[in-house]
Amino acid sequence: MTMSPPLFEYLLRLGDDRLVLGHRLSEWCGHGPILEEDIATANLALDLLGQATLFLRLAGQVEGAGRDEDALAYWRDETGFRNLQLVELPRGDFGFTTMRQFLFDAWSYHLLEALSRSEHAELAAIAAKAQKENRYHLRHSSEWVLRLGDGTGESRARMQAALDELWPWTGEFWYQDAVDASLRAEGIAPDQEALRVPWEAMANDVITRATLTVPGGPMRMTGGRAGRHTEHLGHLLAEMQIVARSHPGGKW
């Protein structure tokens, strides 16, 4: 089997993370706990969709097979997606969504900062633009973790339950394979393991100030980067891709 170019695979990972998480956030549209958060969550989703568009557009150009960002988003099956399993989990309650967003934003903060110094000029430019949005996302999600974690007994219990459920999935943040090794050697991508310590420091600081407890225990099996996903992604894609696949070639 012919392997895809490493940069193409890496760009799929960056784009798919944001496409899938953006879709999960969009599920809150019209269902937010308060009007301001309904609007804010929709805007976060739009930011992530915009980032996904740029990463997937560049992926299509690198691949050179005539696929643009729309083709990559709507005409790949589940096994073709390279997103973290964390982002495909069902939205849960507002506490679950908020905690997932914080964990992802904190990881993204360090990753995008490193990618903004990439030897690949176009990737660096996209990462720098995305980082400007991510800084707002991180501030927003961390403030809500603090507000809910150090809030009422009910809100704290829900946030701790969300953290307990999500923490094991964060192990996939540090997954690396031959794709990463190839791009590290070229100065295109950072060493993921080097981002672990600053991410843990940031996450632990907010979690501790929110009066929550970092869970112990082993990380769960990973596989999203290789196209192995939970049962939830297939259902998400069926919903996300239905219009494009029902009207192939349609233009709006």
C-alpha atoms as a PDB file:
ATOM      1  CA  MET A   1       0.000   0.000   0.000  1.00  0.00           C
ATOM      2  CA  THR A   2       1.354   3.441  -0.931  1.00  0.00           C
ATOM      3  CA  MET A   3       1.887   5.694   2.062  1.00  0.00           C
ATOM      4  CA  SER A   4       0.631   9.280   1.918  1.00  0.00           C
ATOM      5  CA  PRO A   5       3.251  12.053   2.149  1.00  0.00           C
ATOM      6  CA  PRO A   6       4.012  12.826   5.827  1.00  0.00           C
ATOM      7  CA  LEU A   7       3.039  16.491   5.538  1.00  0.00           C
ATOM      8  CA  PHE A   8      -0.324  15.569   4.022  1.00  0.00           C
ATOM      9  CA  GLU A   9      -1.031  13.176   6.898  1.00  0.00           C
ATOM     10  CA  TYR A  10       0.046  15.751   9.464  1.00  0.00           C
ATOM     11  CA  LEU A  11      -2.174  18.454   7.965  1.00  0.00           C
ATOM     12  CA  LEU A  12      -5.112  16.050   8.007  1.00  0.00           C
ATOM     13  CA  ARG A  13      -4.569  15.586  11.744  1.00  0.00           C
ATOM     14  CA  LEU A  14      -4.558  19.321  12.362  1.00  0.00           C
ATOM     15  CA  GLY A  15      -7.593  19.925  10.172  1.00  0.00           C
ATOM     16  CA  ASP A  16      -9.627  16.934  11.335  1.00  0.00           C
ATOM     17  CA  ASP A  17      -9.179  17.789  15.023  1.00  0.00           C
ATOM     18  CA  ARG A  18     -10.719  21.176  14.430  1.00  0.00           C
ATOM     19  CA  LEU A  19     -13.384  20.065  11.967  1.00  0.00           C
ATOM     20  CA  VAL A  20     -14.748  17.381  14.290  1.00  0.00           C
ATOM     21  CA  LEU A  21     -14.527  19.474  17.467  1.00  0.00           C
ATOM     22  CA  GLY A  22     -16.143  22.391  15.656  1.00  0.00           C
ATOM     23  CA  HIS A  23     -19.040  20.140  14.705  1.00  0.00           C
ATOM     24  CA  ARG A  24     -19.445  19.021  18.317  1.00  0.00           C
ATOM     25  CA  LEU A  25     -19.547  22.642  19.456  1.00  0.00           C
ATOM     26  CA  SER A  26     -22.091  23.503  16.748  1.00  0.00           C
ATOM     27  CA  GLU A  27     -24.479  21.014  18.369  1.00  0.00           C
ATOM     28  CA  TRP A  28     -24.948  23.556  21.174  1.00  0.00           C
ATOM     29  CA  CYS A  29     -26.412  26.160  18.808  1.00  0.00           C
ATOM     30  CA  GLY A  30     -29.846  26.951  20.230  1.00  0.00           C
ATOM     31  CA  HIS A  31     -29.207  24.786  23.296  1.00  0.00           C
ATOM     32  CA  GLY A  32     -26.698  26.808  25.323  1.00  0.00           C
ATOM     33  CA  PRO A  33     -27.312  27.331  29.046  1.00  0.00           C
ATOM     34  CA  ILE A  34     -27.546  31.117  28.560  1.00  0.00           C
ATOM     35  CA  LEU A  35     -27.878  33.242  25.440  1.00  0.00           C
ATOM     36  CA  GLU A  36     -24.342  34.669  25.662  1.00  0.00           C
ATOM     37  CA  GLU A  37     -22.821  31.195  25.818  1.00  0.00           C
ATOM     38  CA  ASP A  38     -25.027  29.950  23.006  1.00  0.00           C
ATOM     39  CA  ILE A  39     -23.552  32.687  20.815  1.00  0.00           C
ATOM     40  CA  ALA A  40     -20.013  32.257  22.156  1.00  0.00           C
ATOM     41  CA  THR A  41     -20.005  28.515  21.544  1.00  0.00           C
ATOM     42  CA  ALA A  42     -21.244  29.000  17.995  1.00  0.00           C
ATOM     43  CA  ASN A  43     -18.426  31.479  17.392  1.00  0.00           C
ATOM     44  CA  LEU A  44     -15.864  29.025  18.758  1.00  0.00           C
ATOM     45  CA  ALA A  45     -17.214  26.435  16.335  1.00  0.00           C
ATOM     46  CA  LEU A  46     -16.884  28.880  13.437  1.00  0.00           C
ATOM     47  CA  ASP A  47     -13.292  29.678  14.394  1.00  0.00           C
ATOM     48  CA  LEU A  48     -12.425  25.978  14.444  1.00  0.00           C
ATOM     49  CA  LEU A  49     -14.158  25.430  11.102  1.00  0.00           C
ATOM     50  CA  GLY A  50     -12.138  28.290   9.618  1.00  0.00           C
ATOM     51  CA  GLN A  51      -8.913  26.768  10.938  1.00  0.00           C
ATOM     52  CA  ALA A  52      -9.906  23.352   9.604  1.00  0.00           C
ATOM     53  CA  THR A  53     -10.564  24.898   6.200  1.00  0.00           C
ATOM     54  CA  LEU A  54      -7.053  26.347   6.016  1.00  0.00           C
ATOM     55  CA  PHE A  55      -5.302  23.181   7.187  1.00  0.00           C
ATOM     56  CA  LEU A  56      -7.335  20.928   4.883  1.00  0.00           C
ATOM     57  CA  ARG A  57      -6.936  23.273   1.920  1.00  0.00           C
ATOM     58  CA  LEU A  58      -3.166  23.115   2.347  1.00  0.00           C
ATOM     59  CA  ALA A  59      -3.410  19.332   2.763  1.00  0.00           C
ATOM     60  CA  GLY A  60      -5.177  19.080  -0.584  1.00  0.00           C
ATOM     61  CA  GLN A  61      -2.490  21.185  -2.238  1.00  0.00           C
ATOM     62  CA  VAL A  62       0.262  19.035  -0.733  1.00  0.00           C
ATOM     63  CA  GLU A  63      -1.492  15.845  -1.825  1.00  0.00           C
ATOM     64  CA  GLY A  64      -1.807  17.097  -5.392  1.00  0.00           C
ATOM     65  CA  ALA A  65      -4.718  14.787  -6.227  1.00  0.00           C
ATOM     66  CA  GLY A  66      -7.287  17.470  -6.979  1.00  0.00           C
ATOM     67  CA  ARG A  67      -9.067  17.285  -3.627  1.00  0.00           C
ATOM     68  CA  ASP A  68      -9.921  20.581  -1.964  1.00  0.00           C
ATOM     69  CA  GLU A  69     -10.978  21.195   1.626  1.00  0.00           C
ATOM     70  CA  ASP A  70     -14.618  20.341   0.878  1.00  0.00           C
ATOM     71  CA  ALA A  71     -13.708  17.017  -0.723  1.00  0.00           C
ATOM     72  CA  LEU A  72     -11.522  16.132   2.254  1.00  0.00           C
ATOM     73  CA  ALA A  73     -14.217  17.105   4.754  1.00  0.00           C
ATOM     74  CA  TYR A  74     -17.233  15.504   3.119  1.00  0.00           C
ATOM     75  CA  TRP A  75     -15.976  12.636   0.987  1.00  0.00           C
ATOM     76  CA  ARG A  76     -13.746  10.689   3.324  1.00  0.00           C
ATOM     77  CA  ASP A  77     -15.104   7.814   5.379  1.00  0.00           C
ATOM     78  CA  GLU A  78     -14.460   7.239   9.064  1.00  0.00           C
ATOM     79  CA  THR A  79     -11.195   5.343   8.573  1.00  0.00           C
ATOM     80  CA  GLY A  80      -9.830   8.233   6.501  1.00  0.00           C
ATOM     81  CA  PHE A  81     -10.101  10.701   9.370  1.00  0.00           C
ATOM     82  CA  ARG A  82      -7.063  11.403  11.540  1.00  0.00           C
ATOM     83  CA  ASN A  83      -8.555  13.336  14.467  1.00  0.00           C
ATOM     84  CA  LEU A  84      -7.974  12.713  18.141  1.00  0.00           C
ATOM     85  CA  GLN A  85     -10.556  10.413  19.658  1.00  0.00           C
ATOM     86  CA  LEU A  86     -11.101  13.032  22.383  1.00  0.00           C
ATOM     87  CA  VAL A  87     -12.813  15.452  20.020  1.00  0.00           C
ATOM     88  CA  GLU A  88     -15.303  12.936  18.627  1.00  0.00           C
ATOM     89  CA  LEU A  89     -16.831  11.981  21.982  1.00  0.00           C
ATOM     90  CA  PRO A  90     -20.487  13.079  22.334  1.00  0.00           C
ATOM     91  CA  ARG A  91     -20.969  16.637  23.585  1.00  0.00           C
ATOM     92  CA  GLY A  92     -22.292  15.624  27.015  1.00  0.00           C
ATOM     93  CA  ASP A  93     -23.486  18.376  29.335  1.00  0.00           C
ATOM     94  CA  PHE A  94     -22.089  21.915  29.359  1.00  0.00           C
ATOM     95  CA  GLY A  95     -19.480  20.941  31.940  1.00  0.00           C
ATOM     96  CA  PHE A  96     -18.183  18.123  29.723  1.00  0.00           C
ATOM     97  CA  THR A  97     -18.023  20.403  26.684  1.00  0.00           C
ATOM     98  CA  THR A  98     -16.232  23.100  28.692  1.00  0.00           C
ATOM     99  CA  MET A  99     -13.665  20.747  30.198  1.00  0.00           C
ATOM    100  CA  ARG A 100     -12.899  19.120  26.837  1.00  0.00           C
ATOM    101  CA  GLN A 101     -12.507  22.536  25.261  1.00  0.00           C
ATOM    102  CA  PHE A 102     -10.085  23.640  27.954  1.00  0.00           C
ATOM    103  CA  LEU A 103      -7.918  20.529  27.689  1.00  0.00           C
ATOM    104  CA  PHE A 104      -7.817  20.851  23.898  1.00  0.00           C
ATOM    105  CA  ASP A 105      -7.220  24.617  23.954  1.00  0.00           C
ATOM    106  CA  ALA A 106      -4.311  24.282  26.384  1.00  0.00           C
ATOM    107  CA  TRP A 107      -2.706  21.606  24.193  1.00  0.00           C
ATOM    108  CA  SER A 108      -3.422  23.603  21.046  1.00  0.00           C
ATOM    109  CA  TYR A 109      -1.847  26.690  22.592  1.00  0.00           C
ATOM    110  CA  HIS A 110       1.559  25.021  22.869  1.00  0.00           C
ATOM    111  CA  LEU A 111       1.284  23.148  19.567  1.00  0.00           C
ATOM    112  CA  LEU A 112       0.280  26.184  17.505  1.00  0.00           C
ATOM    113  CA  GLU A 113       2.948  28.306  19.162  1.00  0.00           C
ATOM    114  CA  ALA A 114       5.562  25.761  18.076  1.00  0.00           C
ATOM    115  CA  LEU A 115       4.087  25.393  14.586  1.00  0.00           C
ATOM    116  CA  SER A 116       4.167  29.163  14.087  1.00  0.00           C
ATOM    117  CA  ARG A 117       7.967  28.757  13.980  1.00  0.00           C
ATOM    118  CA  SER A 118       7.829  25.909  11.440  1.00  0.00           C
ATOM    119  CA  GLU A 119      10.252  25.803   8.523  1.00  0.00           C
ATOM    120  CA  HIS A 120       7.190  25.365   6.280  1.00  0.00           C
ATOM    121  CA  ALA A 121       6.138  28.975   5.647  1.00  0.00           C
ATOM    122  CA  GLU A 122       2.483  28.319   4.802  1.00  0.00           C
ATOM    123  CA  LEU A 123       1.959  26.025   7.784  1.00  0.00           C
ATOM    124  CA  ALA A 124       3.635  28.570  10.061  1.00  0.00           C
ATOM    125  CA  ALA A 125       1.352  31.332   8.779  1.00  0.00           C
ATOM    126  CA  ILE A 126      -1.808  29.269   9.332  1.00  0.00           C
ATOM    127  CA  ALA A 127      -0.658  28.290  12.823  1.00  0.00           C
ATOM    128  CA  ALA A 128       0.089  31.917  13.735  1.00  0.00           C
ATOM    129  CA  LYS A 129      -3.387  32.968  12.620  1.00  0.00           C
ATOM    130  CA  ALA A 130      -5.030  30.070  14.464  1.00  0.00           C
ATOM    131  CA  GLN A 131      -3.066  30.868  17.619  1.00  0.00           C
ATOM    132  CA  LYS A 132      -4.606  34.344  17.786  1.00  0.00           C
ATOM    133  CA  GLU A 133      -8.046  32.727  17.958  1.00  0.00           C
ATOM    134  CA  ASN A 134      -6.866  29.947  20.251  1.00  0.00           C
ATOM    135  CA  ARG A 135      -5.695  32.437  22.871  1.00  0.00           C
ATOM    136  CA  TYR A 136      -9.262  33.673  23.158  1.00  0.00           C
ATOM    137  CA  HIS A 137     -10.612  30.116  23.204  1.00  0.00           C
ATOM    138  CA  LEU A 138      -8.219  29.215  26.028  1.00  0.00           C
ATOM    139  CA  ARG A 139      -9.143  32.247  28.082  1.00  0.00           C
ATOM    140  CA  HIS A 140     -12.827  31.538  27.603  1.00  0.00           C
ATOM    141  CA  SER A 141     -12.667  27.827  28.443  1.00  0.00           C
ATOM    142  CA  SER A 142     -10.317  28.240  31.414  1.00  0.00           C
ATOM    143  CA  GLU A 143     -12.518  30.936  32.939  1.00  0.00           C
ATOM    144  CA  TRP A 144     -15.520  28.625  32.712  1.00  0.00           C
ATOM    145  CA  VAL A 145     -13.583  25.742  34.264  1.00  0.00           C
ATOM    146  CA  LEU A 146     -12.730  28.033  37.181  1.00  0.00           C
ATOM    147  CA  ARG A 147     -16.268  29.380  37.469  1.00  0.00           C
ATOM    148  CA  LEU A 148     -17.935  25.972  37.434  1.00  0.00           C
ATOM    149  CA  GLY A 149     -15.277  24.038  39.320  1.00  0.00           C
ATOM    150  CA  ASP A 150     -15.183  26.545  42.173  1.00  0.00           C
ATOM    151  CA  GLY A 151     -18.930  27.149  42.022  1.00  0.00           C
ATOM    152  CA  THR A 152     -21.781  25.229  43.551  1.00  0.00           C
ATOM    153  CA  GLY A 153     -21.621  21.655  44.769  1.00  0.00           C
ATOM    154  CA  GLU A 154     -23.549  20.565  41.689  1.00  0.00           C
ATOM    155  CA  SER A 155     -21.328  22.408  39.220  1.00  0.00           C
ATOM    156  CA  ARG A 156     -18.158  21.165  40.892  1.00  0.00           C
ATOM    157  CA  ALA A 157     -19.372  17.556  40.850  1.00  0.00           C
ATOM    158  CA  ARG A 158     -20.184  17.787  37.157  1.00  0.00           C
ATOM    159  CA  MET A 159     -16.821  19.304  36.307  1.00  0.00           C
ATOM    160  CA  GLN A 160     -14.946  16.662  38.276  1.00  0.00           C
ATOM    161  CA  ALA A 161     -16.956  13.929  36.547  1.00  0.00           C
ATOM    162  CA  ALA A 162     -16.119  15.467  33.174  1.00  0.00           C
ATOM    163  CA  LEU A 163     -12.422  15.678  34.046  1.00  0.00           C
ATOM    164  CA  ASP A 164     -12.375  12.076  35.259  1.00  0.00           C
ATOM    165  CA  GLU A 165     -13.938  10.941  31.981  1.00  0.00           C
ATOM    166  CA  LEU A 166     -11.789  13.082  29.680  1.00  0.00           C
ATOM    167  CA  TRP A 167      -8.355  12.914  31.265  1.00  0.00           C
ATOM    168  CA  PRO A 168      -7.482   9.395  30.000  1.00  0.00           C
ATOM    169  CA  TRP A 169      -8.177  10.473  26.410  1.00  0.00           C
ATOM    170  CA  THR A 170      -5.537  13.210  26.617  1.00  0.00           C
ATOM    171  CA  GLY A 171      -2.817  10.587  26.259  1.00  0.00           C
ATOM    172  CA  GLU A 172      -3.317  10.799  22.497  1.00  0.00           C
ATOM    173  CA  PHE A 173      -2.001  14.370  22.566  1.00  0.00           C
ATOM    174  CA  TRP A 174       1.494  12.901  22.806  1.00  0.00           C
ATOM    175  CA  TYR A 175       1.170  10.203  20.154  1.00  0.00           C
ATOM    176  CA  GLN A 176       4.010  10.264  17.634  1.00  0.00           C
ATOM    177  CA  ASP A 177       4.882   8.034  14.709  1.00  0.00           C
ATOM    178  CA  ALA A 178       6.953   8.042  11.524  1.00  0.00           C
ATOM    179  CA  VAL A 179       4.959  11.021  10.214  1.00  0.00           C
ATOM    180  CA  ASP A 180       6.041  13.152  13.161  1.00  0.00           C
ATOM    181  CA  ALA A 181       9.618  11.889  13.032  1.00  0.00           C
ATOM    182  CA  SER A 182       9.955  12.789   9.349  1.00  0.00           C
ATOM    183  CA  LEU A 183       8.600  16.309   9.844  1.00  0.00           C
ATOM    184  CA  ARG A 184      10.652  16.895  12.998  1.00  0.00           C
ATOM    185  CA  ALA A 185      13.797  16.088  11.023  1.00  0.00           C
ATOM    186  CA  GLU A 186      12.852  18.773   8.485  1.00  0.00           C
ATOM    187  CA  GLY A 187      12.023  21.376  11.130  1.00  0.00           C
ATOM    188  CA  ILE A 188       8.367  21.396  10.075  1.00  0.00           C
ATOM    189  CA  ALA A 189       6.714  19.930  13.181  1.00  0.00           C
ATOM    190  CA  PRO A 190       7.693  20.014  16.872  1.00  0.00           C
ATOM    191  CA  ASP A 191       8.411  17.140  19.203  1.00  0.00           C
ATOM    192  CA  GLN A 192       5.024  16.468  20.819  1.00  0.00           C
ATOM    193  CA  GLU A 193       6.655  15.054  23.926  1.00  0.00           C
ATOM    194  CA  ALA A 194       8.386  18.377  24.529  1.00  0.00           C
ATOM    195  CA  LEU A 195       4.956  20.009  24.814  1.00  0.00           C
ATOM    196  CA  ARG A 196       3.788  17.693  27.580  1.00  0.00           C
ATOM    197  CA  VAL A 197       5.429  19.468  30.530  1.00  0.00           C
ATOM    198  CA  PRO A 198       4.152  22.990  29.717  1.00  0.00           C
ATOM    199  CA  TRP A 199       0.685  21.590  28.947  1.00  0.00           C
ATOM    200  CA  GLU A 200       0.561  19.685  32.236  1.00  0.00           C
ATOM    201  CA  ALA A 201       1.698  22.800  34.122  1.00  0.00           C
ATOM    202  CA  MET A 202      -1.018  24.899  32.509  1.00  0.00           C
ATOM    203  CA  ALA A 203      -3.722  22.270  32.967  1.00  0.00           C
ATOM    204  CA  ASN A 204      -2.761  21.527  36.579  1.00  0.00           C
ATOM    205  CA  ASP A 205      -2.743  25.224  37.472  1.00  0.00           C
ATOM    206  CA  VAL A 206      -6.295  25.821  36.224  1.00  0.00           C
ATOM    207  CA  ILE A 207      -7.618  22.517  37.567  1.00  0.00           C
ATOM    208  CA  THR A 208      -6.143  23.152  41.015  1.00  0.00           C
ATOM    209  CA  ARG A 209      -7.489  26.716  41.152  1.00  0.00           C
ATOM    210  CA  ALA A 210     -10.880  25.318  40.158  1.00  0.00           C
ATOM    211  CA  THR A 211     -10.711  23.107  43.304  1.00  0.00           C
ATOM    212  CA  LEU A 212     -10.732  19.981  41.131  1.00  0.00           C
ATOM    213  CA  THR A 213      -8.483  16.923  41.342  1.00  0.00           C
ATOM    214  CA  VAL A 214      -6.340  15.639  38.494  1.00  0.00           C
ATOM    215  CA  PRO A 215      -7.242  11.959  37.978  1.00  0.00           C
ATOM    216  CA  GLY A 216      -4.714   9.167  38.204  1.00  0.00           C
ATOM    217  CA  GLY A 217      -4.716   5.889  36.319  1.00  0.00           C
ATOM    218  CA  PRO A 218      -3.534   4.740  32.895  1.00  0.00           C
ATOM    219  CA  MET A 219      -4.316   6.396  29.581  1.00  0.00           C
ATOM    220  CA  ARG A 220      -6.684   4.640  27.211  1.00  0.00           C
ATOM    221  CA  MET A 221      -5.691   3.045  23.920  1.00  0.00           C
ATOM    222  CA  THR A 222      -5.200   5.541  21.114  1.00  0.00           C
ATOM    223  CA  GLY A 223      -5.788   5.111  17.406  1.00  0.00           C
ATOM    224  CA  GLY A 224      -7.370   8.228  15.941  1.00  0.00           C
ATOM    225  CA  ARG A 225      -4.186   9.273  14.146  1.00  0.00           C
ATOM    226  CA  ALA A 226      -4.193   5.929  12.327  1.00  0.00           C
ATOM    227  CA  GLY A 227      -7.907   6.017  11.432  1.00  0.00           C
ATOM    228  CA  ARG A 228      -9.187   3.925  14.351  1.00  0.00           C
ATOM    229  CA  HIS A 229     -12.057   5.671  16.055  1.00  0.00           C
ATOM    230  CA  THR A 230     -14.831   5.249  18.580  1.00  0.00           C
ATOM    231  CA  GLU A 231     -18.317   4.376  17.396  1.00  0.00           C
ATOM    232  CA  HIS A 232     -19.262   8.035  17.817  1.00  0.00           C
ATOM    233  CA  LEU A 233     -17.355   9.372  14.803  1.00  0.00           C
ATOM    234  CA  GLY A 234     -19.376   7.401  12.263  1.00  0.00           C
ATOM    235  CA  HIS A 235     -22.629   8.871  13.590  1.00  0.00           C
ATOM    236  CA  LEU A 236     -21.134  12.374  13.577  1.00  0.00           C
ATOM    237  CA  LEU A 237     -19.938  12.055   9.982  1.00  0.00           C
ATOM    238  CA  ALA A 238     -23.296  10.717   8.818  1.00  0.00           C
ATOM    239  CA  GLU A 239     -24.876  13.923  10.069  1.00  0.00           C
ATOM    240  CA  MET A 240     -22.101  16.261   8.961  1.00  0.00           C
ATOM    241  CA  GLN A 241     -21.778  14.850   5.427  1.00  0.00           C
ATOM    242  CA  ILE A 242     -25.418  14.133   4.568  1.00  0.00           C
ATOM    243  CA  VAL A 243     -26.104  17.294   2.525  1.00  0.00           C
ATOM    244  CA  ALA A 244     -22.923  17.076   0.435  1.00  0.00           C
ATOM    245  CA  ARG A 245     -23.434  13.383  -0.256  1.00  0.00           C
ATOM    246  CA  SER A 246     -27.122  13.787  -1.046  1.00  0.00           C
ATOM    247  CA  HIS A 247     -26.353  16.502  -3.615  1.00  0.00           C
ATOM    248  CA  PRO A 248     -22.944  15.649  -5.117  1.00  0.00           C
ATOM    249  CA  GLY A 249     -21.556  18.543  -7.110  1.00  0.00           C
ATOM    250  CA  GLY A 250     -24.064  20.957  -5.593  1.00  0.00           C
ATOM    251  CA  LYS A 251     -22.996  24.586  -5.237  1.00  0.00           C
ATOM    252  CA  TRP A 252     -24.357  27.240  -2.904  1.00  0.00           C
END
